[in-house]
């Protein structure tokens, strides 16, 4: 409904008209060259006489070769025209002005509101970069992520000077769906020019996991003898997400700053009465210890929650302090994970 156009439509008058006529009849068969009009439709055309006098008219209805028109449009003057004078659909200023005005009213260049669904975006971005709260998105935005290959839909944070993702900065969050048949949605973040993948995953039941959360569980497969301060040498790791626990140095090194939880457990198997002490060490310094009295056997376990900087390391040691013959510790375990 509205303005109609077609390419290179032209005709000639079948009969003369005066300056007030609102009906124009074209030579038989020529009306079909012009747009078909439904209720509310119209097109602009130009009348031209043999002296090249011009008048723009607005055609509001067409029945075969008979046209209903509004005269003297777009600052032109109505005049009389003779049989065989020309009637043509030409580009006119009013056509372009109406087209631009209506497009701007429907979706202004700035400050407008788009309603309905945006069906498909094959590339590029949908941007919302408000300069004040009144311009922010206030309703739901529905984004459908295809499952046939990796796709990323992300929202950018303000880098300070503009809204963009660049090689040196820019913060973003993204949801991706990795592969066909996957029922999980992965959550990514972007800092310092790199994507940091899968901080969180959400499955179809709404359960959330953190598959790349730093964590480890390590143990020693046999006995160890303690006569002085000795590492709980847990040389086997069943779980070691990110590889931050070393089975050779028996240390966990924090990959990022945060709050961590650590637990150790071991059994003192010395048959003679005595006591032992186990320590958590942070960067080589004693952080926390647990004292046990040997009652053949006894077990020692402790949990600490501590704040670490990136690069800090944690390990555990055991020491016999009241039995010169030494103590035997069996099957120690050491585990930890990033809380947040």
C-alpha atoms as a PDB file:
ATOM      1  CA  UNK A   1       0.000   0.000   0.000  1.00  0.00           C
ATOM      2  CA  UNK A   2       1.426   3.393  -1.039  1.00  0.00           C
ATOM      3  CA  UNK A   3       3.723   4.717  -3.731  1.00  0.00           C
ATOM      4  CA  UNK A   4       4.107   2.443  -6.780  1.00  0.00           C
ATOM      5  CA  UNK A   5       6.677   2.618  -9.575  1.00  0.00           C
ATOM      6  CA  UNK A   6       7.570   0.721 -12.716  1.00  0.00           C
ATOM      7  CA  UNK A   7      10.295   1.077 -15.325  1.00  0.00           C
ATOM      8  CA  UNK A   8       9.891   3.286 -18.408  1.00  0.00           C
ATOM      9  CA  UNK A   9       6.075   3.469 -18.492  1.00  0.00           C
ATOM     10  CA  UNK A  10       4.813   5.835 -21.208  1.00  0.00           C
ATOM     11  CA  UNK A  11       1.675   6.555 -23.229  1.00  0.00           C
ATOM     12  CA  UNK A  12      -0.217   9.220 -25.151  1.00  0.00           C
ATOM     13  CA  UNK A  13      -3.554  10.913 -24.491  1.00  0.00           C
ATOM     14  CA  UNK A  14      -6.509   9.416 -26.365  1.00  0.00           C
ATOM     15  CA  UNK A  15      -8.417  12.720 -25.924  1.00  0.00           C
ATOM     16  CA  UNK A  16      -7.595  16.285 -24.929  1.00  0.00           C
ATOM     17  CA  UNK A  17      -8.073  17.527 -21.354  1.00  0.00           C
ATOM     18  CA  UNK A  18      -8.481  20.983 -19.832  1.00  0.00           C
ATOM     19  CA  UNK A  19      -6.661  22.320 -16.770  1.00  0.00           C
ATOM     20  CA  UNK A  20      -9.270  21.036 -14.316  1.00  0.00           C
ATOM     21  CA  UNK A  21      -9.853  17.516 -15.667  1.00  0.00           C
ATOM     22  CA  UNK A  22      -9.210  14.689 -13.191  1.00  0.00           C
ATOM     23  CA  UNK A  23      -9.676  11.802 -15.630  1.00  0.00           C
ATOM     24  CA  UNK A  24      -7.112  10.967 -18.304  1.00  0.00           C
ATOM     25  CA  UNK A  25      -7.737   8.345 -20.993  1.00  0.00           C
ATOM     26  CA  UNK A  26      -4.751   6.841 -22.760  1.00  0.00           C
ATOM     27  CA  UNK A  27      -4.604   5.217 -26.182  1.00  0.00           C
ATOM     28  CA  UNK A  28      -6.076   1.715 -25.947  1.00  0.00           C
ATOM     29  CA  UNK A  29      -3.659  -0.855 -24.464  1.00  0.00           C
ATOM     30  CA  UNK A  30      -1.179   1.648 -23.031  1.00  0.00           C
ATOM     31  CA  UNK A  31      -2.595   1.673 -19.497  1.00  0.00           C
ATOM     32  CA  UNK A  32      -1.093  -1.766 -18.830  1.00  0.00           C
ATOM     33  CA  UNK A  33       2.364  -0.207 -18.958  1.00  0.00           C
ATOM     34  CA  UNK A  34       1.651   1.613 -15.680  1.00  0.00           C
ATOM     35  CA  UNK A  35       1.407   0.195 -12.130  1.00  0.00           C
ATOM     36  CA  UNK A  36      -1.656  -1.720 -10.993  1.00  0.00           C
ATOM     37  CA  UNK A  37      -3.198   0.173  -8.091  1.00  0.00           C
ATOM     38  CA  UNK A  38      -5.067  -1.232  -5.106  1.00  0.00           C
ATOM     39  CA  UNK A  39      -6.927   0.857  -2.529  1.00  0.00           C
ATOM     40  CA  UNK A  40      -4.529   3.459  -1.128  1.00  0.00           C
ATOM     41  CA  UNK A  41      -1.907   2.979  -3.877  1.00  0.00           C
ATOM     42  CA  UNK A  42      -0.743   5.729  -6.216  1.00  0.00           C
ATOM     43  CA  UNK A  43       2.007   6.748  -8.598  1.00  0.00           C
ATOM     44  CA  UNK A  44       3.350  10.033  -9.944  1.00  0.00           C
ATOM     45  CA  UNK A  45       3.407  10.715 -13.699  1.00  0.00           C
ATOM     46  CA  UNK A  46       4.313  13.626 -15.942  1.00  0.00           C
ATOM     47  CA  UNK A  47       2.229  15.228 -18.699  1.00  0.00           C
ATOM     48  CA  UNK A  48       4.281  16.762 -21.583  1.00  0.00           C
ATOM     49  CA  UNK A  49       2.921  18.808 -24.500  1.00  0.00           C
ATOM     50  CA  UNK A  50       4.574  19.514 -27.851  1.00  0.00           C
ATOM     51  CA  UNK A  51       6.222  22.640 -26.407  1.00  0.00           C
ATOM     52  CA  UNK A  52       7.705  20.574 -23.574  1.00  0.00           C
ATOM     53  CA  UNK A  53       5.510  22.147 -20.913  1.00  0.00           C
ATOM     54  CA  UNK A  54       5.458  19.768 -17.943  1.00  0.00           C
ATOM     55  CA  UNK A  55       2.919  18.978 -15.237  1.00  0.00           C
ATOM     56  CA  UNK A  56       3.284  16.324 -12.549  1.00  0.00           C
ATOM     57  CA  UNK A  57       0.088  14.513 -11.535  1.00  0.00           C
ATOM     58  CA  UNK A  58      -0.704  11.957  -8.845  1.00  0.00           C
ATOM     59  CA  UNK A  59      -2.579   8.958 -10.203  1.00  0.00           C
ATOM     60  CA  UNK A  60      -4.759   7.388  -7.497  1.00  0.00           C
ATOM     61  CA  UNK A  61      -6.658   4.818  -9.588  1.00  0.00           C
ATOM     62  CA  UNK A  62      -6.328   3.046 -12.915  1.00  0.00           C
ATOM     63  CA  UNK A  63      -9.028   1.104 -14.737  1.00  0.00           C
ATOM     64  CA  UNK A  64      -7.429  -0.352 -17.866  1.00  0.00           C
ATOM     65  CA  UNK A  65      -6.563   2.827 -19.842  1.00  0.00           C
ATOM     66  CA  UNK A  66      -8.533   5.311 -17.710  1.00  0.00           C
ATOM     67  CA  UNK A  67      -6.628   7.121 -14.980  1.00  0.00           C
ATOM     68  CA  UNK A  68      -7.909   9.168 -12.038  1.00  0.00           C
ATOM     69  CA  UNK A  69      -5.448  11.922 -11.177  1.00  0.00           C
ATOM     70  CA  UNK A  70      -4.782  14.839  -8.829  1.00  0.00           C
ATOM     71  CA  UNK A  71      -3.402  17.739 -10.850  1.00  0.00           C
ATOM     72  CA  UNK A  72      -0.496  20.182 -10.385  1.00  0.00           C
ATOM     73  CA  UNK A  73       1.773  18.159  -8.072  1.00  0.00           C
ATOM     74  CA  UNK A  74       5.324  18.913  -6.913  1.00  0.00           C
ATOM     75  CA  UNK A  75       5.122  22.689  -7.554  1.00  0.00           C
ATOM     76  CA  UNK A  76       3.921  22.325 -11.175  1.00  0.00           C
ATOM     77  CA  UNK A  77       0.947  24.140 -12.799  1.00  0.00           C
ATOM     78  CA  UNK A  78      -2.172  22.553 -14.290  1.00  0.00           C
ATOM     79  CA  UNK A  79      -2.747  23.332 -17.964  1.00  0.00           C
ATOM     80  CA  UNK A  80      -4.671  21.979 -20.978  1.00  0.00           C
ATOM     81  CA  UNK A  81      -3.212  19.105 -23.019  1.00  0.00           C
ATOM     82  CA  UNK A  82      -4.072  17.896 -26.489  1.00  0.00           C
ATOM     83  CA  UNK A  83      -4.681  14.485 -27.999  1.00  0.00           C
ATOM     84  CA  UNK A  84      -1.395  12.574 -28.459  1.00  0.00           C
ATOM     85  CA  UNK A  85       0.438  14.626 -25.795  1.00  0.00           C
ATOM     86  CA  UNK A  86       2.693  12.348 -23.766  1.00  0.00           C
ATOM     87  CA  UNK A  87       2.010  10.789 -20.347  1.00  0.00           C
ATOM     88  CA  UNK A  88       5.107   9.231 -18.716  1.00  0.00           C
ATOM     89  CA  UNK A  89       6.225   7.754 -15.391  1.00  0.00           C
ATOM     90  CA  UNK A  90       9.448   9.632 -14.733  1.00  0.00           C
ATOM     91  CA  UNK A  91      11.646  10.009 -11.628  1.00  0.00           C
ATOM     92  CA  UNK A  92      10.445  13.090  -9.755  1.00  0.00           C
ATOM     93  CA  UNK A  93      11.551  14.928  -6.655  1.00  0.00           C
ATOM     94  CA  UNK A  94       8.317  14.131  -4.835  1.00  0.00           C
ATOM     95  CA  UNK A  95       8.833  10.382  -5.383  1.00  0.00           C
ATOM     96  CA  UNK A  96      12.285  10.428  -3.764  1.00  0.00           C
ATOM     97  CA  UNK A  97      11.240  12.782  -0.964  1.00  0.00           C
ATOM     98  CA  UNK A  98       8.283  10.601   0.016  1.00  0.00           C
ATOM     99  CA  UNK A  99      10.412   7.457  -0.094  1.00  0.00           C
ATOM    100  CA  UNK A 100      13.096   8.949   2.159  1.00  0.00           C
ATOM    101  CA  UNK A 101      10.597  10.483   4.583  1.00  0.00           C
ATOM    102  CA  UNK A 102       8.653   7.242   4.974  1.00  0.00           C
ATOM    103  CA  UNK A 103      11.805   5.173   5.465  1.00  0.00           C
ATOM    104  CA  UNK A 104      13.066   7.607   8.084  1.00  0.00           C
ATOM    105  CA  UNK A 105       9.714   7.589   9.878  1.00  0.00           C
ATOM    106  CA  UNK A 106       9.681   3.786   9.957  1.00  0.00           C
ATOM    107  CA  UNK A 107      13.312   3.427  11.073  1.00  0.00           C
ATOM    108  CA  UNK A 108      15.051   6.756  11.716  1.00  0.00           C
ATOM    109  CA  UNK A 109      18.779   7.103  11.284  1.00  0.00           C
ATOM    110  CA  UNK A 110      19.018   7.802  15.014  1.00  0.00           C
ATOM    111  CA  UNK A 111      16.730   7.446  18.000  1.00  0.00           C
ATOM    112  CA  UNK A 112      14.133   5.213  16.348  1.00  0.00           C
ATOM    113  CA  UNK A 113      12.471   2.007  17.461  1.00  0.00           C
ATOM    114  CA  UNK A 114      12.447  -1.172  15.392  1.00  0.00           C
ATOM    115  CA  UNK A 115       9.556  -3.532  16.067  1.00  0.00           C
ATOM    116  CA  UNK A 116       8.873  -7.066  14.931  1.00  0.00           C
ATOM    117  CA  UNK A 117      11.382  -9.825  14.327  1.00  0.00           C
ATOM    118  CA  UNK A 118      14.739  -9.497  12.645  1.00  0.00           C
ATOM    119  CA  UNK A 119      14.754 -12.837  10.887  1.00  0.00           C
ATOM    120  CA  UNK A 120      18.260 -13.476   9.581  1.00  0.00           C
ATOM    121  CA  UNK A 121      21.657 -11.873  10.017  1.00  0.00           C
ATOM    122  CA  UNK A 122      24.236 -13.715   7.915  1.00  0.00           C
ATOM    123  CA  UNK A 123      27.185 -11.546   8.906  1.00  0.00           C
ATOM    124  CA  UNK A 124      28.067  -8.279  10.574  1.00  0.00           C
ATOM    125  CA  UNK A 125      26.560  -7.154  13.854  1.00  0.00           C
ATOM    126  CA  UNK A 126      23.494  -5.905  15.640  1.00  0.00           C
ATOM    127  CA  UNK A 127      24.685  -2.963  17.696  1.00  0.00           C
ATOM    128  CA  UNK A 128      23.235  -1.242  20.720  1.00  0.00           C
ATOM    129  CA  UNK A 129      25.655   1.425  21.909  1.00  0.00           C
ATOM    130  CA  UNK A 130      23.559   3.811  23.990  1.00  0.00           C
ATOM    131  CA  UNK A 131      24.892   7.139  25.141  1.00  0.00           C
ATOM    132  CA  UNK A 132      22.336   7.329  27.934  1.00  0.00           C
ATOM    133  CA  UNK A 133      19.883   5.056  29.721  1.00  0.00           C
ATOM    134  CA  UNK A 134      16.924   6.185  27.610  1.00  0.00           C
ATOM    135  CA  UNK A 135      18.505   4.563  24.547  1.00  0.00           C
ATOM    136  CA  UNK A 136      19.136   1.170  26.112  1.00  0.00           C
ATOM    137  CA  UNK A 137      17.275  -1.969  25.099  1.00  0.00           C
ATOM    138  CA  UNK A 138      14.278  -2.295  27.389  1.00  0.00           C
ATOM    139  CA  UNK A 139      12.592  -5.380  25.945  1.00  0.00           C
ATOM    140  CA  UNK A 140      13.630  -8.904  25.076  1.00  0.00           C
ATOM    141  CA  UNK A 141      16.003  -9.663  22.208  1.00  0.00           C
ATOM    142  CA  UNK A 142      15.720 -13.198  20.873  1.00  0.00           C
ATOM    143  CA  UNK A 143      18.823 -14.637  19.198  1.00  0.00           C
ATOM    144  CA  UNK A 144      18.771 -18.125  17.688  1.00  0.00           C
ATOM    145  CA  UNK A 145      22.153 -19.852  17.448  1.00  0.00           C
ATOM    146  CA  UNK A 146      22.387 -22.482  14.680  1.00  0.00           C
ATOM    147  CA  UNK A 147      23.772 -25.852  15.739  1.00  0.00           C
ATOM    148  CA  UNK A 148      25.491 -26.899  12.517  1.00  0.00           C
ATOM    149  CA  UNK A 149      28.833 -25.264  13.312  1.00  0.00           C
ATOM    150  CA  UNK A 150      30.502 -22.934  15.787  1.00  0.00           C
ATOM    151  CA  UNK A 151      28.772 -19.568  16.047  1.00  0.00           C
ATOM    152  CA  UNK A 152      29.461 -16.699  18.405  1.00  0.00           C
ATOM    153  CA  UNK A 153      26.932 -14.075  19.503  1.00  0.00           C
ATOM    154  CA  UNK A 154      28.528 -11.496  21.740  1.00  0.00           C
ATOM    155  CA  UNK A 155      27.965  -8.211  23.503  1.00  0.00           C
ATOM    156  CA  UNK A 156      30.781  -5.685  23.712  1.00  0.00           C
ATOM    157  CA  UNK A 157      31.790  -3.670  26.715  1.00  0.00           C
ATOM    158  CA  UNK A 158      32.907  -0.059  26.451  1.00  0.00           C
ATOM    159  CA  UNK A 159      36.679   0.068  25.921  1.00  0.00           C
ATOM    160  CA  UNK A 160      36.770   3.672  27.112  1.00  0.00           C
ATOM    161  CA  UNK A 161      36.823   5.425  23.755  1.00  0.00           C
ATOM    162  CA  UNK A 162      34.435   3.374  21.654  1.00  0.00           C
ATOM    163  CA  UNK A 163      32.402   0.209  21.434  1.00  0.00           C
ATOM    164  CA  UNK A 164      34.572  -2.303  19.663  1.00  0.00           C
ATOM    165  CA  UNK A 165      36.557  -5.480  20.019  1.00  0.00           C
ATOM    166  CA  UNK A 166      40.172  -4.993  19.040  1.00  0.00           C
ATOM    167  CA  UNK A 167      43.523  -6.723  19.249  1.00  0.00           C
ATOM    168  CA  UNK A 168      44.711  -4.969  22.400  1.00  0.00           C
ATOM    169  CA  UNK A 169      41.614  -4.506  24.491  1.00  0.00           C
ATOM    170  CA  UNK A 170      37.878  -4.604  24.567  1.00  0.00           C
ATOM    171  CA  UNK A 171      35.704  -6.726  26.804  1.00  0.00           C
ATOM    172  CA  UNK A 172      32.959  -8.986  25.582  1.00  0.00           C
ATOM    173  CA  UNK A 173      30.738 -11.843  26.611  1.00  0.00           C
ATOM    174  CA  UNK A 174      29.525 -14.466  24.180  1.00  0.00           C
ATOM    175  CA  UNK A 175      27.343 -17.527  23.983  1.00  0.00           C
ATOM    176  CA  UNK A 176      28.326 -20.198  21.471  1.00  0.00           C
ATOM    177  CA  UNK A 177      26.974 -23.548  20.419  1.00  0.00           C
ATOM    178  CA  UNK A 178      29.852 -25.691  19.292  1.00  0.00           C
ATOM    179  CA  UNK A 179      28.605 -28.500  17.088  1.00  0.00           C
ATOM    180  CA  UNK A 180      25.634 -30.310  15.624  1.00  0.00           C
ATOM    181  CA  UNK A 181      23.650 -32.247  18.182  1.00  0.00           C
ATOM    182  CA  UNK A 182      25.080 -30.371  21.133  1.00  0.00           C
ATOM    183  CA  UNK A 183      22.602 -29.640  23.898  1.00  0.00           C
ATOM    184  CA  UNK A 184      24.930 -27.247  25.674  1.00  0.00           C
ATOM    185  CA  UNK A 185      25.537 -23.540  25.359  1.00  0.00           C
ATOM    186  CA  UNK A 186      29.041 -22.304  26.157  1.00  0.00           C
ATOM    187  CA  UNK A 187      29.772 -18.949  27.744  1.00  0.00           C
ATOM    188  CA  UNK A 188      32.960 -17.115  26.725  1.00  0.00           C
ATOM    189  CA  UNK A 189      34.683 -13.922  27.771  1.00  0.00           C
ATOM    190  CA  UNK A 190      37.107 -11.695  25.897  1.00  0.00           C
ATOM    191  CA  UNK A 191      39.843  -9.665  27.563  1.00  0.00           C
ATOM    192  CA  UNK A 192      43.217  -8.395  26.455  1.00  0.00           C
ATOM    193  CA  UNK A 193      42.753  -9.291  22.815  1.00  0.00           C
ATOM    194  CA  UNK A 194      41.939 -12.986  23.408  1.00  0.00           C
ATOM    195  CA  UNK A 195      38.859 -15.124  23.784  1.00  0.00           C
ATOM    196  CA  UNK A 196      38.817 -17.165  27.007  1.00  0.00           C
ATOM    197  CA  UNK A 197      36.532 -20.041  26.245  1.00  0.00           C
ATOM    198  CA  UNK A 198      33.892 -21.832  28.217  1.00  0.00           C
ATOM    199  CA  UNK A 199      33.958 -20.218  31.625  1.00  0.00           C
ATOM    200  CA  UNK A 200      30.517 -21.725  31.958  1.00  0.00           C
ATOM    201  CA  UNK A 201      28.290 -24.186  30.121  1.00  0.00           C
ATOM    202  CA  UNK A 202      24.536 -24.501  30.369  1.00  0.00           C
ATOM    203  CA  UNK A 203      22.847 -27.732  29.325  1.00  0.00           C
ATOM    204  CA  UNK A 204      19.262 -28.172  28.130  1.00  0.00           C
ATOM    205  CA  UNK A 205      18.106 -28.866  31.685  1.00  0.00           C
ATOM    206  CA  UNK A 206      19.466 -25.553  32.982  1.00  0.00           C
ATOM    207  CA  UNK A 207      22.412 -27.125  34.796  1.00  0.00           C
ATOM    208  CA  UNK A 208      25.555 -24.998  34.789  1.00  0.00           C
ATOM    209  CA  UNK A 209      29.114 -26.286  34.846  1.00  0.00           C
ATOM    210  CA  UNK A 210      32.535 -24.648  34.648  1.00  0.00           C
ATOM    211  CA  UNK A 211      34.571 -27.071  32.517  1.00  0.00           C
ATOM    212  CA  UNK A 212      37.758 -24.999  32.543  1.00  0.00           C
ATOM    213  CA  UNK A 213      37.652 -24.107  36.228  1.00  0.00           C
ATOM    214  CA  UNK A 214      41.173 -24.783  37.628  1.00  0.00           C
ATOM    215  CA  UNK A 215      41.053 -27.848  39.876  1.00  0.00           C
ATOM    216  CA  UNK A 216      43.065 -30.943  40.709  1.00  0.00           C
ATOM    217  CA  UNK A 217      42.992 -34.180  42.719  1.00  0.00           C
ATOM    218  CA  UNK A 218      46.342 -35.901  43.294  1.00  0.00           C
ATOM    219  CA  UNK A 219      47.528 -38.842  45.382  1.00  0.00           C
ATOM    220  CA  UNK A 220      50.564 -40.971  46.135  1.00  0.00           C
ATOM    221  CA  UNK A 221      50.239 -44.609  45.220  1.00  0.00           C
ATOM    222  CA  UNK A 222      52.278 -45.955  48.144  1.00  0.00           C
ATOM    223  CA  UNK A 223      53.875 -45.271  51.525  1.00  0.00           C
ATOM    224  CA  UNK A 224      56.229 -42.444  52.344  1.00  0.00           C
ATOM    225  CA  UNK A 225      58.643 -42.180  55.231  1.00  0.00           C
ATOM    226  CA  UNK A 226      58.858 -38.965  57.303  1.00  0.00           C
ATOM    227  CA  UNK A 227      61.851 -38.224  59.473  1.00  0.00           C
ATOM    228  CA  UNK A 228      61.953 -34.513  58.758  1.00  0.00           C
ATOM    229  CA  UNK A 229      59.802 -32.069  56.883  1.00  0.00           C
ATOM    230  CA  UNK A 230      58.872 -33.841  53.646  1.00  0.00           C
ATOM    231  CA  UNK A 231      56.491 -33.127  50.771  1.00  0.00           C
ATOM    232  CA  UNK A 232      53.341 -35.138  50.663  1.00  0.00           C
ATOM    233  CA  UNK A 233      54.624 -36.362  47.327  1.00  0.00           C
ATOM    234  CA  UNK A 234      51.342 -36.941  45.496  1.00  0.00           C
ATOM    235  CA  UNK A 235      52.755 -38.094  42.192  1.00  0.00           C
ATOM    236  CA  UNK A 236      49.570 -39.116  40.385  1.00  0.00           C
ATOM    237  CA  UNK A 237      46.793 -36.733  39.305  1.00  0.00           C
ATOM    238  CA  UNK A 238      43.399 -38.145  38.436  1.00  0.00           C
ATOM    239  CA  UNK A 239      42.032 -34.638  37.805  1.00  0.00           C
ATOM    240  CA  UNK A 240      44.194 -31.726  36.701  1.00  0.00           C
ATOM    241  CA  UNK A 241      42.104 -29.190  34.790  1.00  0.00           C
ATOM    242  CA  UNK A 242      44.448 -26.778  33.076  1.00  0.00           C
ATOM    243  CA  UNK A 243      47.549 -28.722  34.164  1.00  0.00           C
ATOM    244  CA  UNK A 244      48.302 -26.359  37.062  1.00  0.00           C
ATOM    245  CA  UNK A 245      49.314 -29.131  39.480  1.00  0.00           C
ATOM    246  CA  UNK A 246      52.803 -30.580  38.989  1.00  0.00           C
ATOM    247  CA  UNK A 247      53.296 -34.293  39.772  1.00  0.00           C
ATOM    248  CA  UNK A 248      57.075 -33.709  39.921  1.00  0.00           C
ATOM    249  CA  UNK A 249      57.227 -30.710  42.280  1.00  0.00           C
ATOM    250  CA  UNK A 250      53.901 -31.592  43.990  1.00  0.00           C
ATOM    251  CA  UNK A 251      52.764 -27.981  43.721  1.00  0.00           C
ATOM    252  CA  UNK A 252      49.642 -26.274  42.482  1.00  0.00           C
ATOM    253  CA  UNK A 253      50.355 -22.906  40.814  1.00  0.00           C
ATOM    254  CA  UNK A 254      47.445 -20.445  40.623  1.00  0.00           C
ATOM    255  CA  UNK A 255      46.732 -19.516  36.979  1.00  0.00           C
ATOM    256  CA  UNK A 256      44.621 -16.494  37.961  1.00  0.00           C
ATOM    257  CA  UNK A 257      44.104 -14.383  41.039  1.00  0.00           C
ATOM    258  CA  UNK A 258      41.184 -15.541  43.135  1.00  0.00           C
ATOM    259  CA  UNK A 259      39.945 -17.455  46.157  1.00  0.00           C
ATOM    260  CA  UNK A 260      40.883 -21.136  46.290  1.00  0.00           C
ATOM    261  CA  UNK A 261      40.055 -24.107  48.494  1.00  0.00           C
ATOM    262  CA  UNK A 262      42.632 -26.812  49.285  1.00  0.00           C
ATOM    263  CA  UNK A 263      42.370 -30.084  51.215  1.00  0.00           C
ATOM    264  CA  UNK A 264      44.931 -32.717  52.158  1.00  0.00           C
ATOM    265  CA  UNK A 265      44.545 -36.050  53.914  1.00  0.00           C
ATOM    266  CA  UNK A 266      47.037 -38.723  54.925  1.00  0.00           C
ATOM    267  CA  UNK A 267      47.313 -41.580  57.392  1.00  0.00           C
ATOM    268  CA  UNK A 268      50.093 -41.885  60.007  1.00  0.00           C
ATOM    269  CA  UNK A 269      50.899 -45.597  60.224  1.00  0.00           C
ATOM    270  CA  UNK A 270      53.696 -45.592  62.843  1.00  0.00           C
ATOM    271  CA  UNK A 271      53.022 -48.255  65.494  1.00  0.00           C
ATOM    272  CA  UNK A 272      54.839 -46.485  68.310  1.00  0.00           C
ATOM    273  CA  UNK A 273      53.256 -43.521  70.122  1.00  0.00           C
ATOM    274  CA  UNK A 274      54.248 -40.193  68.731  1.00  0.00           C
ATOM    275  CA  UNK A 275      52.880 -37.250  66.878  1.00  0.00           C
ATOM    276  CA  UNK A 276      53.218 -35.629  63.491  1.00  0.00           C
ATOM    277  CA  UNK A 277      52.428 -32.314  61.899  1.00  0.00           C
ATOM    278  CA  UNK A 278      51.249 -31.506  58.380  1.00  0.00           C
ATOM    279  CA  UNK A 279      51.601 -28.070  56.803  1.00  0.00           C
ATOM    280  CA  UNK A 280      50.128 -26.081  53.944  1.00  0.00           C
ATOM    281  CA  UNK A 281      52.871 -23.960  52.398  1.00  0.00           C
ATOM    282  CA  UNK A 282      52.152 -20.841  50.343  1.00  0.00           C
ATOM    283  CA  UNK A 283      55.084 -19.796  48.165  1.00  0.00           C
ATOM    284  CA  UNK A 284      57.340 -21.896  50.404  1.00  0.00           C
ATOM    285  CA  UNK A 285      56.212 -20.319  53.692  1.00  0.00           C
ATOM    286  CA  UNK A 286      54.106 -22.194  56.258  1.00  0.00           C
ATOM    287  CA  UNK A 287      50.534 -21.023  55.987  1.00  0.00           C
ATOM    288  CA  UNK A 288      48.589 -23.490  58.146  1.00  0.00           C
ATOM    289  CA  UNK A 289      49.339 -26.736  59.958  1.00  0.00           C
ATOM    290  CA  UNK A 290      47.499 -29.634  61.545  1.00  0.00           C
ATOM    291  CA  UNK A 291      48.887 -31.645  64.501  1.00  0.00           C
ATOM    292  CA  UNK A 292      48.038 -35.302  65.056  1.00  0.00           C
ATOM    293  CA  UNK A 293      48.864 -37.731  67.883  1.00  0.00           C
ATOM    294  CA  UNK A 294      49.793 -41.175  66.669  1.00  0.00           C
ATOM    295  CA  UNK A 295      47.500 -43.907  67.930  1.00  0.00           C
ATOM    296  CA  UNK A 296      48.353 -46.478  65.245  1.00  0.00           C
ATOM    297  CA  UNK A 297      46.938 -45.584  62.906  1.00  0.00           C
ATOM    298  CA  UNK A 298      45.664 -42.034  62.904  1.00  0.00           C
ATOM    299  CA  UNK A 299      44.707 -39.792  60.010  1.00  0.00           C
ATOM    300  CA  UNK A 300      45.362 -36.171  59.365  1.00  0.00           C
ATOM    301  CA  UNK A 301      43.202 -33.945  57.145  1.00  0.00           C
ATOM    302  CA  UNK A 302      42.610 -30.252  56.827  1.00  0.00           C
ATOM    303  CA  UNK A 303      40.973 -27.723  54.489  1.00  0.00           C
ATOM    304  CA  UNK A 304      41.915 -24.091  53.969  1.00  0.00           C
ATOM    305  CA  UNK A 305      40.433 -21.305  51.890  1.00  0.00           C
ATOM    306  CA  UNK A 306      42.967 -18.723  50.788  1.00  0.00           C
ATOM    307  CA  UNK A 307      43.389 -15.833  48.415  1.00  0.00           C
ATOM    308  CA  UNK A 308      46.112 -16.265  45.818  1.00  0.00           C
ATOM    309  CA  UNK A 309      47.649 -14.006  43.228  1.00  0.00           C
ATOM    310  CA  UNK A 310      48.388 -15.391  39.786  1.00  0.00           C
ATOM    311  CA  UNK A 311      51.640 -17.360  40.054  1.00  0.00           C
ATOM    312  CA  UNK A 312      51.365 -18.154  43.775  1.00  0.00           C
ATOM    313  CA  UNK A 313      51.939 -21.829  44.522  1.00  0.00           C
ATOM    314  CA  UNK A 314      50.723 -24.213  47.226  1.00  0.00           C
ATOM    315  CA  UNK A 315      52.107 -27.509  48.432  1.00  0.00           C
ATOM    316  CA  UNK A 316      51.866 -29.692  51.549  1.00  0.00           C
ATOM    317  CA  UNK A 317      54.530 -31.176  53.815  1.00  0.00           C
ATOM    318  CA  UNK A 318      54.505 -33.618  56.711  1.00  0.00           C
ATOM    319  CA  UNK A 319      56.962 -33.768  59.644  1.00  0.00           C
ATOM    320  CA  UNK A 320      57.528 -36.105  62.586  1.00  0.00           C
ATOM    321  CA  UNK A 321      58.262 -34.036  65.659  1.00  0.00           C
ATOM    322  CA  UNK A 322      58.008 -36.491  68.564  1.00  0.00           C
ATOM    323  CA  UNK A 323      59.318 -39.792  67.266  1.00  0.00           C
ATOM    324  CA  UNK A 324      62.974 -40.167  66.418  1.00  0.00           C
ATOM    325  CA  UNK A 325      62.389 -43.350  64.548  1.00  0.00           C
ATOM    326  CA  UNK A 326      60.280 -41.540  61.980  1.00  0.00           C
ATOM    327  CA  UNK A 327      56.695 -41.948  60.932  1.00  0.00           C
ATOM    328  CA  UNK A 328      55.231 -43.641  57.926  1.00  0.00           C
ATOM    329  CA  UNK A 329      52.458 -41.865  56.055  1.00  0.00           C
ATOM    330  CA  UNK A 330      50.241 -43.817  53.703  1.00  0.00           C
ATOM    331  CA  UNK A 331      48.234 -42.892  50.629  1.00  0.00           C
ATOM    332  CA  UNK A 332      48.160 -39.105  51.003  1.00  0.00           C
ATOM    333  CA  UNK A 333      45.805 -37.049  48.847  1.00  0.00           C
ATOM    334  CA  UNK A 334      45.953 -33.388  47.935  1.00  0.00           C
ATOM    335  CA  UNK A 335      43.246 -31.508  46.042  1.00  0.00           C
ATOM    336  CA  UNK A 336      42.076 -27.969  45.364  1.00  0.00           C
ATOM    337  CA  UNK A 337      40.015 -25.745  43.096  1.00  0.00           C
ATOM    338  CA  UNK A 338      39.232 -22.148  42.279  1.00  0.00           C
ATOM    339  CA  UNK A 339      36.141 -20.914  44.115  1.00  0.00           C
ATOM    340  CA  UNK A 340      35.839 -17.548  42.435  1.00  0.00           C
END
